[in-house]
Amino acid sequence: MATPSPHDRSKKKTWSDPSDEEEAEDPVERMISRTGCAELHEALQDCMAEHRDWRACQSHVGAFQKCMSAHHKARQEHLSQGQRT
């Protein structure tokens, strides 16, 4: 007897309510929205969906990376100021 492949994507998820799937927010998207970089991330995702090649989206990758780096730097500064007081 063959064992099912763990990569079988044909299996349907069972939900108690189909609308739950639409309302459930991705934790990564929630984290990105807190950084202030959500619009850049969405633009990057749109570019990737259109071109299906990250090399064609380098301007979007760079803009998102710059935004995330600025957020990380600001957060680090905020945390280090809190430790001083």
N, C-alpha and C. Protein backbone atom coordinates (compact mmCIF):
# COMPACT_ATOMS: atom_id res chain seq x y z
N MET A 1 0.83 -1.17 0.00
CA MET A 1 0.00 0.00 0.00
C MET A 1 0.88 1.24 0.00
N ALA A 2 0.63 2.14 -0.91
CA ALA A 2 1.45 3.34 -1.05
C ALA A 2 1.06 4.37 0.01
N THR A 3 2.08 5.02 0.55
CA THR A 3 1.80 6.08 1.52
C THR A 3 1.59 7.37 0.78
N PRO A 4 0.69 8.21 1.26
CA PRO A 4 0.44 9.48 0.57
C PRO A 4 1.65 10.40 0.67
N SER A 5 1.87 11.15 -0.36
CA SER A 5 2.99 12.09 -0.39
C SER A 5 2.72 13.24 0.58
N PRO A 6 3.71 13.65 1.36
CA PRO A 6 3.51 14.80 2.24
C PRO A 6 3.39 16.11 1.45
N HIS A 7 3.71 16.04 0.17
CA HIS A 7 3.65 17.24 -0.67
C HIS A 7 2.38 17.30 -1.51
N ASP A 8 1.43 16.42 -1.21
CA ASP A 8 0.19 16.39 -1.96
C ASP A 8 -0.64 17.62 -1.61
N ARG A 9 -0.76 18.54 -2.54
CA ARG A 9 -1.50 19.78 -2.32
C ARG A 9 -2.97 19.66 -2.71
N SER A 10 -3.37 18.47 -3.16
CA SER A 10 -4.75 18.29 -3.60
C SER A 10 -5.71 18.12 -2.45
N LYS A 11 -5.19 17.85 -1.26
CA LYS A 11 -6.06 17.68 -0.10
C LYS A 11 -6.70 19.01 0.26
N LYS A 12 -7.98 18.97 0.54
CA LYS A 12 -8.67 20.20 0.93
C LYS A 12 -8.63 20.34 2.44
N LYS A 13 -8.41 21.57 2.88
CA LYS A 13 -8.45 21.84 4.31
C LYS A 13 -9.91 21.87 4.74
N THR A 14 -10.14 21.38 5.93
CA THR A 14 -11.50 21.42 6.44
C THR A 14 -11.60 22.56 7.44
N TRP A 15 -12.55 23.42 7.25
CA TRP A 15 -12.79 24.57 8.10
C TRP A 15 -14.20 24.48 8.64
N SER A 16 -14.39 24.93 9.82
CA SER A 16 -15.73 24.93 10.39
C SER A 16 -16.60 25.94 9.65
N ASP A 17 -15.99 27.00 9.19
CA ASP A 17 -16.71 28.04 8.47
C ASP A 17 -15.79 28.52 7.35
N PRO A 18 -16.20 28.43 6.08
CA PRO A 18 -15.33 28.87 4.98
C PRO A 18 -14.91 30.33 5.08
N SER A 19 -15.71 31.17 5.70
CA SER A 19 -15.34 32.58 5.81
C SER A 19 -14.18 32.78 6.77
N ASP A 20 -13.92 31.81 7.66
CA ASP A 20 -12.79 31.92 8.58
C ASP A 20 -11.47 32.03 7.83
N GLU A 21 -11.34 31.30 6.72
CA GLU A 21 -10.11 31.32 5.94
C GLU A 21 -9.86 32.71 5.38
N GLU A 22 -10.90 33.38 4.92
CA GLU A 22 -10.75 34.72 4.35
C GLU A 22 -10.41 35.74 5.42
N GLU A 23 -10.94 35.56 6.62
CA GLU A 23 -10.74 36.53 7.68
C GLU A 23 -9.42 36.33 8.42
N ALA A 24 -8.86 35.13 8.36
CA ALA A 24 -7.61 34.86 9.06
C ALA A 24 -6.48 35.62 8.39
N GLU A 25 -5.79 36.44 9.19
CA GLU A 25 -4.69 37.22 8.65
C GLU A 25 -3.39 36.47 8.83
N ASP A 26 -2.57 36.52 7.82
CA ASP A 26 -1.27 35.87 7.86
C ASP A 26 -0.40 36.57 8.91
N PRO A 27 0.23 35.82 9.81
CA PRO A 27 1.07 36.45 10.84
C PRO A 27 2.23 37.26 10.25
N VAL A 28 2.74 36.84 9.10
CA VAL A 28 3.83 37.60 8.47
C VAL A 28 3.31 38.95 7.99
N GLU A 29 2.14 38.95 7.37
CA GLU A 29 1.56 40.21 6.92
C GLU A 29 1.26 41.13 8.10
N ARG A 30 0.80 40.56 9.20
CA ARG A 30 0.52 41.35 10.40
C ARG A 30 1.81 41.98 10.91
N MET A 31 2.91 41.22 10.93
CA MET A 31 4.19 41.73 11.38
C MET A 31 4.68 42.85 10.45
N ILE A 32 4.56 42.63 9.16
CA ILE A 32 5.01 43.64 8.19
C ILE A 32 4.18 44.91 8.30
N SER A 33 2.89 44.78 8.55
CA SER A 33 2.04 45.97 8.66
C SER A 33 2.45 46.84 9.84
N ARG A 34 3.01 46.22 10.89
CA ARG A 34 3.47 46.99 12.05
C ARG A 34 4.76 47.75 11.77
N THR A 35 5.45 47.41 10.70
CA THR A 35 6.72 48.07 10.40
C THR A 35 6.53 49.36 9.60
N GLY A 36 5.35 49.51 8.98
CA GLY A 36 5.13 50.65 8.11
C GLY A 36 5.58 50.38 6.68
N CYS A 37 5.93 49.14 6.38
CA CYS A 37 6.44 48.77 5.06
C CYS A 37 5.44 47.94 4.26
N ALA A 38 4.20 47.88 4.69
CA ALA A 38 3.21 46.99 4.07
C ALA A 38 2.95 47.34 2.61
N GLU A 39 2.88 48.63 2.29
CA GLU A 39 2.62 49.02 0.90
C GLU A 39 3.76 48.57 -0.02
N LEU A 40 4.99 48.71 0.45
CA LEU A 40 6.14 48.27 -0.34
C LEU A 40 6.14 46.75 -0.50
N HIS A 41 5.75 46.05 0.54
CA HIS A 41 5.68 44.59 0.47
C HIS A 41 4.61 44.16 -0.53
N GLU A 42 3.48 44.83 -0.49
CA GLU A 42 2.41 44.51 -1.43
C GLU A 42 2.84 44.78 -2.86
N ALA A 43 3.54 45.90 -3.09
CA ALA A 43 4.04 46.21 -4.43
C ALA A 43 5.03 45.14 -4.89
N LEU A 44 5.87 44.67 -3.99
CA LEU A 44 6.82 43.61 -4.32
C LEU A 44 6.08 42.33 -4.67
N GLN A 45 5.07 41.98 -3.90
CA GLN A 45 4.28 40.78 -4.19
C GLN A 45 3.58 40.90 -5.54
N ASP A 46 3.04 42.08 -5.84
CA ASP A 46 2.38 42.29 -7.13
C ASP A 46 3.38 42.12 -8.27
N CYS A 47 4.57 42.68 -8.10
CA CYS A 47 5.60 42.56 -9.13
C CYS A 47 5.98 41.10 -9.33
N MET A 48 6.15 40.38 -8.23
CA MET A 48 6.51 38.97 -8.33
C MET A 48 5.40 38.16 -9.00
N ALA A 49 4.16 38.49 -8.71
CA ALA A 49 3.04 37.78 -9.33
C ALA A 49 3.00 38.06 -10.83
N GLU A 50 3.32 39.28 -11.20
CA GLU A 50 3.29 39.66 -12.62
C GLU A 50 4.45 39.04 -13.40
N HIS A 51 5.67 39.15 -12.86
CA HIS A 51 6.86 38.75 -13.60
C HIS A 51 7.33 37.34 -13.29
N ARG A 52 6.98 36.82 -12.12
CA ARG A 52 7.40 35.50 -11.68
C ARG A 52 8.92 35.33 -11.72
N ASP A 53 9.63 36.43 -11.48
CA ASP A 53 11.09 36.41 -11.46
C ASP A 53 11.56 37.56 -10.59
N TRP A 54 12.18 37.24 -9.46
CA TRP A 54 12.59 38.28 -8.52
C TRP A 54 13.59 39.24 -9.13
N ARG A 55 14.32 38.80 -10.15
CA ARG A 55 15.31 39.68 -10.77
C ARG A 55 14.65 40.85 -11.49
N ALA A 56 13.42 40.66 -11.93
CA ALA A 56 12.69 41.74 -12.61
C ALA A 56 12.12 42.74 -11.61
N CYS A 57 12.20 42.42 -10.33
CA CYS A 57 11.58 43.25 -9.29
C CYS A 57 12.61 43.85 -8.34
N GLN A 58 13.83 44.03 -8.81
CA GLN A 58 14.90 44.49 -7.93
C GLN A 58 14.64 45.86 -7.31
N SER A 59 13.98 46.75 -8.03
CA SER A 59 13.69 48.06 -7.44
C SER A 59 12.73 47.91 -6.26
N HIS A 60 11.78 46.99 -6.38
CA HIS A 60 10.82 46.74 -5.29
C HIS A 60 11.52 46.04 -4.12
N VAL A 61 12.40 45.09 -4.44
CA VAL A 61 13.15 44.39 -3.40
C VAL A 61 13.99 45.39 -2.61
N GLY A 62 14.68 46.27 -3.32
CA GLY A 62 15.53 47.26 -2.66
C GLY A 62 14.75 48.23 -1.80
N ALA A 63 13.61 48.69 -2.29
CA ALA A 63 12.78 49.63 -1.52
C ALA A 63 12.25 48.97 -0.26
N PHE A 64 11.79 47.73 -0.37
CA PHE A 64 11.28 47.01 0.79
C PHE A 64 12.40 46.75 1.79
N GLN A 65 13.55 46.35 1.29
CA GLN A 65 14.70 46.08 2.16
C GLN A 65 15.12 47.35 2.90
N LYS A 66 15.14 48.47 2.21
CA LYS A 66 15.52 49.75 2.83
C LYS A 66 14.53 50.13 3.93
N CYS A 67 13.24 49.95 3.66
CA CYS A 67 12.22 50.27 4.64
C CYS A 67 12.36 49.38 5.87
N MET A 68 12.53 48.08 5.65
CA MET A 68 12.66 47.16 6.78
C MET A 68 13.93 47.45 7.58
N SER A 69 15.01 47.81 6.92
CA SER A 69 16.25 48.13 7.62
C SER A 69 16.07 49.38 8.47
N ALA A 70 15.39 50.38 7.92
CA ALA A 70 15.14 51.61 8.68
C ALA A 70 14.27 51.32 9.89
N HIS A 71 13.26 50.48 9.72
CA HIS A 71 12.41 50.11 10.85
C HIS A 71 13.22 49.38 11.91
N HIS A 72 14.05 48.44 11.48
CA HIS A 72 14.86 47.66 12.42
C HIS A 72 15.82 48.59 13.18
N LYS A 73 16.43 49.51 12.48
CA LYS A 73 17.36 50.45 13.12
C LYS A 73 16.64 51.31 14.15
N ALA A 74 15.47 51.83 13.76
CA ALA A 74 14.70 52.67 14.68
C ALA A 74 14.26 51.87 15.91
N ARG A 75 13.89 50.62 15.70
CA ARG A 75 13.47 49.77 16.82
C ARG A 75 14.64 49.49 17.75
N GLN A 76 15.80 49.22 17.17
CA GLN A 76 16.99 48.97 17.99
C GLN A 76 17.34 50.21 18.82
N GLU A 77 17.25 51.39 18.21
CA GLU A 77 17.54 52.62 18.93
C GLU A 77 16.53 52.83 20.06
N HIS A 78 15.28 52.57 19.78
CA HIS A 78 14.24 52.71 20.79
C HIS A 78 14.48 51.75 21.97
N LEU A 79 14.84 50.51 21.64
CA LEU A 79 15.10 49.54 22.69
C LEU A 79 16.33 49.91 23.51
N SER A 80 17.36 50.41 22.85
CA SER A 80 18.58 50.78 23.60
C SER A 80 18.34 52.00 24.46
N GLN A 81 17.47 52.92 24.03
CA GLN A 81 17.13 54.07 24.87
C GLN A 81 16.34 53.62 26.10
N GLY A 82 15.50 52.63 25.94
CA GLY A 82 14.73 52.10 27.07
C GLY A 82 15.62 51.42 28.09
N GLN A 83 16.71 50.84 27.67
CA GLN A 83 17.63 50.16 28.59
C GLN A 83 18.44 51.17 29.37
N ARG A 84 18.65 52.35 28.81
CA ARG A 84 19.45 53.38 29.49
C ARG A 84 18.69 54.03 30.63
N THR A 85 17.37 54.07 30.52
CA THR A 85 16.60 54.76 31.56
C THR A 85 16.24 53.86 32.71
